[in-house]
Each structure stands twice: as C-alpha cells, then as structure tokens.
C-alpha cells in the first residue's frame, strides 16, 4: 500500500515561524513534524510514500531525503504552482492507480491504528474513508455528518440529507481512498479534495467516517503548535509509534 503526505502549503497561520522554514520541518519535541507521520506510516508497513512540495520545497527534500535512513522509499511530487489537496493527489494519479491509497496532512500529529482503518475501509467497500473525531469546536473546523452506520451524508453543509439522525464530526486530515476518487478531480489545476468528496456524495458514492478517539492535534495554528511541542518535551504525550531509541 502506498501513501502521500500533503506538505506543499505555505504555513501562513504559523508565521513568523514559517518565514524561512516550511511547516513540515518545524521542530515538535525532539524532531521535525513530518517525521511523526513518516514513523506512523512505517510502523504499519507503509514504506512507499509520496510527498508533495511547493513552499521551500528544497529544504524539505534536503532534510528528509529519499527515505533510505528510515527504511522507506520517498518520492517527491514538486508543484511549481500549488495545486491544493485534491490537485496534489491528482498529480500522482498514475502512481496510485492500482489500489487503495492513504493520505495524511503534514500539519497534524495523530496516533492511529492504520491497520484497523484500512480494514474498516475495505469492510465498508468505501470509495473513500475519512478519519473523524468528536470535537467541541467542530463548527470551526467544519462539520461532517455521519449516519448511525458511519456513512458520510453531509460535508460542510454542502449536501442535503433527510434520513436518520446524524452525528456531527470533524475531519482529522487522514483519509483512505480508492483510485477512482481522482476521477472527480480536474487535472493540472488547484482543487480541494473536499470539493471532490462533495460531488461524490451527490453522485451517491459511498463515503464513510472512521471515528478515532486517540491523540490528535492540528499543528497548523501557533498556540496548538506550542502546546504540542511543550507536551512532547515534558513527556505528556505518548505516541505508540515512537520509541525512545528512534533516531529521528
């Protein structure tokens, strides 16, 4: 199974920290942020990873390299013009055309059992599965509504559904998809994967929400970044995929 880490963004919410350093390389505890997601993928045997880059791309490529020292194979998808979350994945469509694919935002810190996530995705025969969580600030992040059987019925209020009572959840930035999701994304243009998912709902595609109750933090905001950095340094956060002897 292959995966992609979306790392092309400008990190504007974290300025001035990101004036000269791309968001994925900001130090969080003892290591740059991007390594946490790489180590999470590696724990579950996902070692063939694409990383899309745009803002300060050279610094990310120089720091992370080809993945050899991590026991991984890392390929970079460079975007001369930023393509967004959907457009970025679309650019590597040929490489992911043969099977289920995992996508992770570079600016999150999460502890998640990827084996259980992928098993859920296949059991539900989903076109895409979004990892969701309960959050008191769901409206600030954008609500995703799921029915009692975990099927997504509404995204950001852009679709309508009058069925069973739904739960309002938030998207964590981790999702699993089948190759035909890219049929809903136009080529060579800026496009949000959220817009593709909304159109898929309108076309009665099966999207599901996998609910996680493990640790999650959006590092894209300054106060949350500082808290995660502090908590890791003080040992308040325990991530199942990080061992004390981990080199990076």
Protein backbone atom coordinates (compact mmCIF):
# COMPACT_ATOMS: atom_id res chain seq x y z
CA UNK A 1 0.00 0.00 0.00
CA UNK A 2 1.20 3.50 -0.85
CA UNK A 3 0.68 6.77 0.98
CA UNK A 4 1.02 10.50 0.43
CA UNK A 5 1.86 13.27 2.86
CA UNK A 6 0.48 16.64 1.80
CA UNK A 7 3.29 19.08 2.57
CA UNK A 8 3.05 21.83 -0.06
CA UNK A 9 1.30 24.53 1.98
CA UNK A 10 2.65 27.92 3.00
CA UNK A 11 2.03 27.62 6.74
CA UNK A 12 0.69 31.18 6.88
CA UNK A 13 -1.03 30.65 10.25
CA UNK A 14 2.36 29.87 11.81
CA UNK A 15 4.22 32.97 10.66
CA UNK A 16 6.79 34.23 11.52
CA UNK A 17 7.99 30.69 12.35
CA UNK A 18 7.43 29.65 8.75
CA UNK A 19 9.03 32.66 7.10
CA UNK A 20 12.21 30.68 6.47
CA UNK A 21 11.22 27.16 7.45
CA UNK A 22 8.43 25.09 5.86
CA UNK A 23 5.75 23.94 8.28
CA UNK A 24 6.62 20.21 7.98
CA UNK A 25 10.12 20.94 9.30
CA UNK A 26 9.08 22.87 12.40
CA UNK A 27 10.53 21.14 15.46
CA UNK A 28 7.92 19.43 17.62
CA UNK A 29 9.57 17.90 20.65
CA UNK A 30 12.81 16.22 19.55
CA UNK A 31 12.19 16.06 15.80
CA UNK A 32 10.70 17.93 12.81
CA UNK A 33 6.94 17.50 12.45
CA UNK A 34 6.99 15.50 9.22
CA UNK A 35 8.90 12.62 10.82
CA UNK A 36 5.99 11.78 13.10
CA UNK A 37 3.75 10.93 10.17
CA UNK A 38 6.55 9.08 8.40
CA UNK A 39 7.17 6.97 11.51
CA UNK A 40 3.45 6.30 11.88
CA UNK A 41 3.30 5.02 8.30
CA UNK A 42 6.40 2.91 8.77
CA UNK A 43 5.02 1.22 11.90
CA UNK A 44 2.19 -0.19 9.79
CA UNK A 45 4.43 -1.30 6.96
CA UNK A 46 3.67 1.58 4.61
CA UNK A 47 7.10 2.47 3.28
CA UNK A 48 6.36 3.67 -0.26
CA UNK A 49 5.50 7.33 0.34
CA UNK A 50 4.96 10.37 -1.85
CA UNK A 51 5.38 13.89 -0.51
CA UNK A 52 4.10 16.87 -2.45
CA UNK A 53 6.15 20.03 -2.07
CA UNK A 54 5.92 23.66 -3.14
CA UNK A 55 6.79 26.26 -0.48
CA UNK A 56 10.50 26.00 0.45
CA UNK A 57 10.50 22.61 -1.24
CA UNK A 58 14.28 22.31 -1.38
CA UNK A 59 14.53 22.41 2.40
CA UNK A 60 12.09 19.53 2.81
CA UNK A 61 13.81 17.44 0.15
CA UNK A 62 17.23 18.08 1.66
CA UNK A 63 16.14 17.25 5.21
CA UNK A 64 14.07 14.12 4.53
CA UNK A 65 15.95 12.78 1.53
CA UNK A 66 15.00 9.58 -0.26
CA UNK A 67 13.89 7.82 2.92
CA UNK A 68 16.74 5.31 2.95
CA UNK A 69 17.78 6.04 6.53
CA UNK A 70 14.20 5.43 7.62
CA UNK A 71 13.90 2.22 5.66
CA UNK A 72 11.40 3.88 3.35
CA UNK A 73 11.14 4.87 -0.31
CA UNK A 74 10.19 8.56 -0.57
CA UNK A 75 9.27 10.20 -3.86
CA UNK A 76 8.65 13.95 -4.19
CA UNK A 77 5.89 15.46 -6.28
CA UNK A 78 7.02 19.00 -6.96
CA UNK A 79 4.39 21.64 -7.68
CA UNK A 80 5.70 24.76 -9.47
CA UNK A 81 2.21 26.14 -8.86
CA UNK A 82 0.47 24.93 -5.73
CA UNK A 83 -2.34 22.51 -6.56
CA UNK A 84 -4.33 22.13 -3.34
CA UNK A 85 -5.24 18.93 -1.52
CA UNK A 86 -7.06 17.40 -4.48
CA UNK A 87 -4.83 18.68 -7.24
CA UNK A 88 -1.74 17.50 -5.38
CA UNK A 89 -3.01 13.93 -5.24
CA UNK A 90 -4.22 14.13 -8.85
CA UNK A 91 -0.68 14.88 -10.00
CA UNK A 92 0.46 11.40 -8.92
CA UNK A 93 -2.70 9.65 -10.17
CA UNK A 94 -0.79 7.22 -12.36
CA UNK A 95 1.34 6.06 -9.45
CA UNK A 96 -1.67 5.30 -7.24
CA UNK A 97 -3.93 3.81 -9.90
CA UNK A 98 -3.61 0.20 -8.78
CA UNK A 99 -5.09 0.11 -5.32
CA UNK A 100 -6.17 1.59 -2.02
CA UNK A 101 -4.21 4.69 -1.09
CA UNK A 102 -3.66 6.58 2.19
CA UNK A 103 -3.32 10.37 2.51
CA UNK A 104 -2.12 12.31 5.56
CA UNK A 105 -1.89 16.07 6.07
CA UNK A 106 1.63 17.10 7.04
CA UNK A 107 0.46 19.53 9.72
CA UNK A 108 -1.20 17.07 12.08
CA UNK A 109 0.07 14.97 14.96
CA UNK A 110 -2.03 11.82 15.36
CA UNK A 111 -1.88 8.38 16.96
CA UNK A 112 -3.97 5.98 14.94
CA UNK A 113 -4.13 2.25 14.16
CA UNK A 114 -3.79 2.27 10.38
CA UNK A 115 -4.44 -1.47 10.08
CA UNK A 116 -7.87 -1.06 11.67
CA UNK A 117 -8.57 1.98 9.49
CA UNK A 118 -7.81 0.16 6.24
CA UNK A 119 -9.73 -2.95 7.38
CA UNK A 120 -12.77 -0.73 8.10
CA UNK A 121 -12.44 0.90 4.67
CA UNK A 122 -12.43 -2.44 2.87
CA UNK A 123 -15.20 -3.94 5.00
CA UNK A 124 -17.45 -1.00 4.18
CA UNK A 125 -16.49 -1.20 0.49
CA UNK A 126 -15.99 2.54 0.60
CA UNK A 127 -14.83 4.77 -2.22
CA UNK A 128 -13.17 6.86 0.47
CA UNK A 129 -12.94 6.74 4.26
CA UNK A 130 -12.25 9.89 6.26
CA UNK A 131 -10.85 9.64 9.78
CA UNK A 132 -13.14 11.70 12.01
CA UNK A 133 -13.30 12.69 15.65
CA UNK A 134 -15.62 14.35 18.15
CA UNK A 135 -14.57 17.90 18.91
CA UNK A 136 -16.33 20.74 20.76
CA UNK A 137 -15.02 23.10 18.07
CA UNK A 138 -16.48 21.08 15.21
CA UNK A 139 -18.05 24.15 13.60
CA UNK A 140 -14.72 25.97 13.49
CA UNK A 141 -13.05 23.05 11.73
CA UNK A 142 -16.07 22.26 9.54
CA UNK A 143 -18.71 19.66 10.30
CA UNK A 144 -19.00 16.31 8.58
CA UNK A 145 -22.25 14.46 9.26
CA UNK A 146 -22.36 10.66 9.50
CA UNK A 147 -25.35 8.38 9.93
CA UNK A 148 -25.65 5.60 12.56
CA UNK A 149 -23.89 3.19 10.16
CA UNK A 150 -20.89 5.53 9.79
CA UNK A 151 -21.74 6.58 6.25
CA UNK A 152 -21.00 10.23 5.48
CA UNK A 153 -24.12 12.12 4.47
CA UNK A 154 -23.10 15.78 4.51
CA UNK A 155 -19.84 17.71 4.24
CA UNK A 156 -19.65 21.35 5.35
CA UNK A 157 -23.39 21.74 4.82
CA UNK A 158 -22.95 21.42 1.04
CA UNK A 159 -25.26 18.44 0.56
CA UNK A 160 -28.69 17.64 1.91
CA UNK A 161 -29.92 14.51 3.67
CA UNK A 162 -33.17 13.87 5.47
CA UNK A 163 -32.59 10.35 6.78
CA UNK A 164 -31.70 9.05 10.20
CA UNK A 165 -30.24 11.25 12.89
CA UNK A 166 -26.62 12.09 12.14
CA UNK A 167 -23.54 12.84 14.21
CA UNK A 168 -21.51 15.97 13.54
CA UNK A 169 -17.80 15.20 13.48
CA UNK A 170 -14.60 16.87 12.32
CA UNK A 171 -12.07 15.64 9.77
CA UNK A 172 -8.60 14.85 11.16
CA UNK A 173 -6.66 15.13 7.92
CA UNK A 174 -6.23 11.38 7.35
CA UNK A 175 -8.16 9.55 4.65
CA UNK A 176 -8.11 6.33 2.64
CA UNK A 177 -9.32 6.28 -0.94
CA UNK A 178 -9.75 4.12 -3.97
CA UNK A 179 -8.17 5.23 -7.27
CA UNK A 180 -11.44 6.33 -8.89
CA UNK A 181 -11.75 9.21 -6.40
CA UNK A 182 -9.35 11.02 -8.73
CA UNK A 183 -11.96 10.88 -11.48
CA UNK A 184 -13.66 13.70 -9.56
CA UNK A 185 -10.57 15.96 -9.56
CA UNK A 186 -9.71 18.02 -12.67
CA UNK A 187 -6.09 17.79 -13.89
CA UNK A 188 -3.39 20.45 -13.60
CA UNK A 189 -5.35 22.93 -11.52
CA UNK A 190 -5.81 23.99 -7.90
CA UNK A 191 -8.58 21.86 -6.42
CA UNK A 192 -9.69 20.80 -2.97
CA UNK A 193 -10.26 17.13 -2.21
CA UNK A 194 -13.25 18.28 -0.14
CA UNK A 195 -14.96 19.51 -3.31
CA UNK A 196 -14.38 16.11 -4.88
CA UNK A 197 -15.95 14.40 -1.87
CA UNK A 198 -18.98 16.70 -2.01
CA UNK A 199 -19.52 15.83 -5.66
CA UNK A 200 -19.11 12.14 -4.85
CA UNK A 201 -21.89 12.39 -2.29
CA UNK A 202 -24.12 14.00 -4.90
CA UNK A 203 -23.36 11.05 -7.18
CA UNK A 204 -24.27 8.57 -4.41
CA UNK A 205 -20.71 7.30 -3.95
CA UNK A 206 -20.10 5.57 -0.63
CA UNK A 207 -18.02 7.67 1.74
CA UNK A 208 -17.55 6.53 5.32
CA UNK A 209 -16.24 8.06 8.52
CA UNK A 210 -13.86 6.12 10.75
CA UNK A 211 -14.02 7.59 14.26
CA UNK A 212 -10.80 7.82 16.26
CA UNK A 213 -10.51 8.63 19.95
CA UNK A 214 -6.73 8.63 20.05
CA UNK A 215 -4.42 11.63 20.29
CA UNK A 216 -4.78 14.30 17.59
CA UNK A 217 -3.58 17.86 17.23
CA UNK A 218 -3.67 20.38 14.40
CA UNK A 219 -0.16 21.83 14.42
CA UNK A 220 -1.13 24.43 11.85
CA UNK A 221 -2.02 27.04 14.49
CA UNK A 222 0.55 28.76 16.67
CA UNK A 223 -0.99 28.07 20.08
CA UNK A 224 -1.63 24.41 19.26
CA UNK A 225 1.88 24.04 17.86
CA UNK A 226 3.43 25.44 21.03
CA UNK A 227 1.31 23.18 23.23
CA UNK A 228 2.22 20.03 21.28
CA UNK A 229 5.90 20.97 21.36
CA UNK A 230 5.77 21.62 25.11
CA UNK A 231 3.78 18.48 25.89
CA UNK A 232 6.14 16.25 23.93
CA UNK A 233 9.19 17.74 25.63
CA UNK A 234 7.58 17.22 29.05
CA UNK A 235 6.54 13.66 28.27
CA UNK A 236 2.81 14.41 28.48
CA UNK A 237 2.15 12.88 25.05
CA UNK A 238 2.80 9.19 24.42
CA UNK A 239 2.65 8.14 20.79
CA UNK A 240 2.50 4.40 20.18
CA UNK A 241 4.79 4.53 17.15
CA UNK A 242 7.60 6.49 18.84
CA UNK A 243 10.23 4.56 20.75
CA UNK A 244 12.90 6.21 22.88
CA UNK A 245 15.62 4.79 20.65
CA UNK A 246 14.10 6.23 17.45
CA UNK A 247 16.85 8.20 15.76
CA UNK A 248 14.79 10.85 14.00
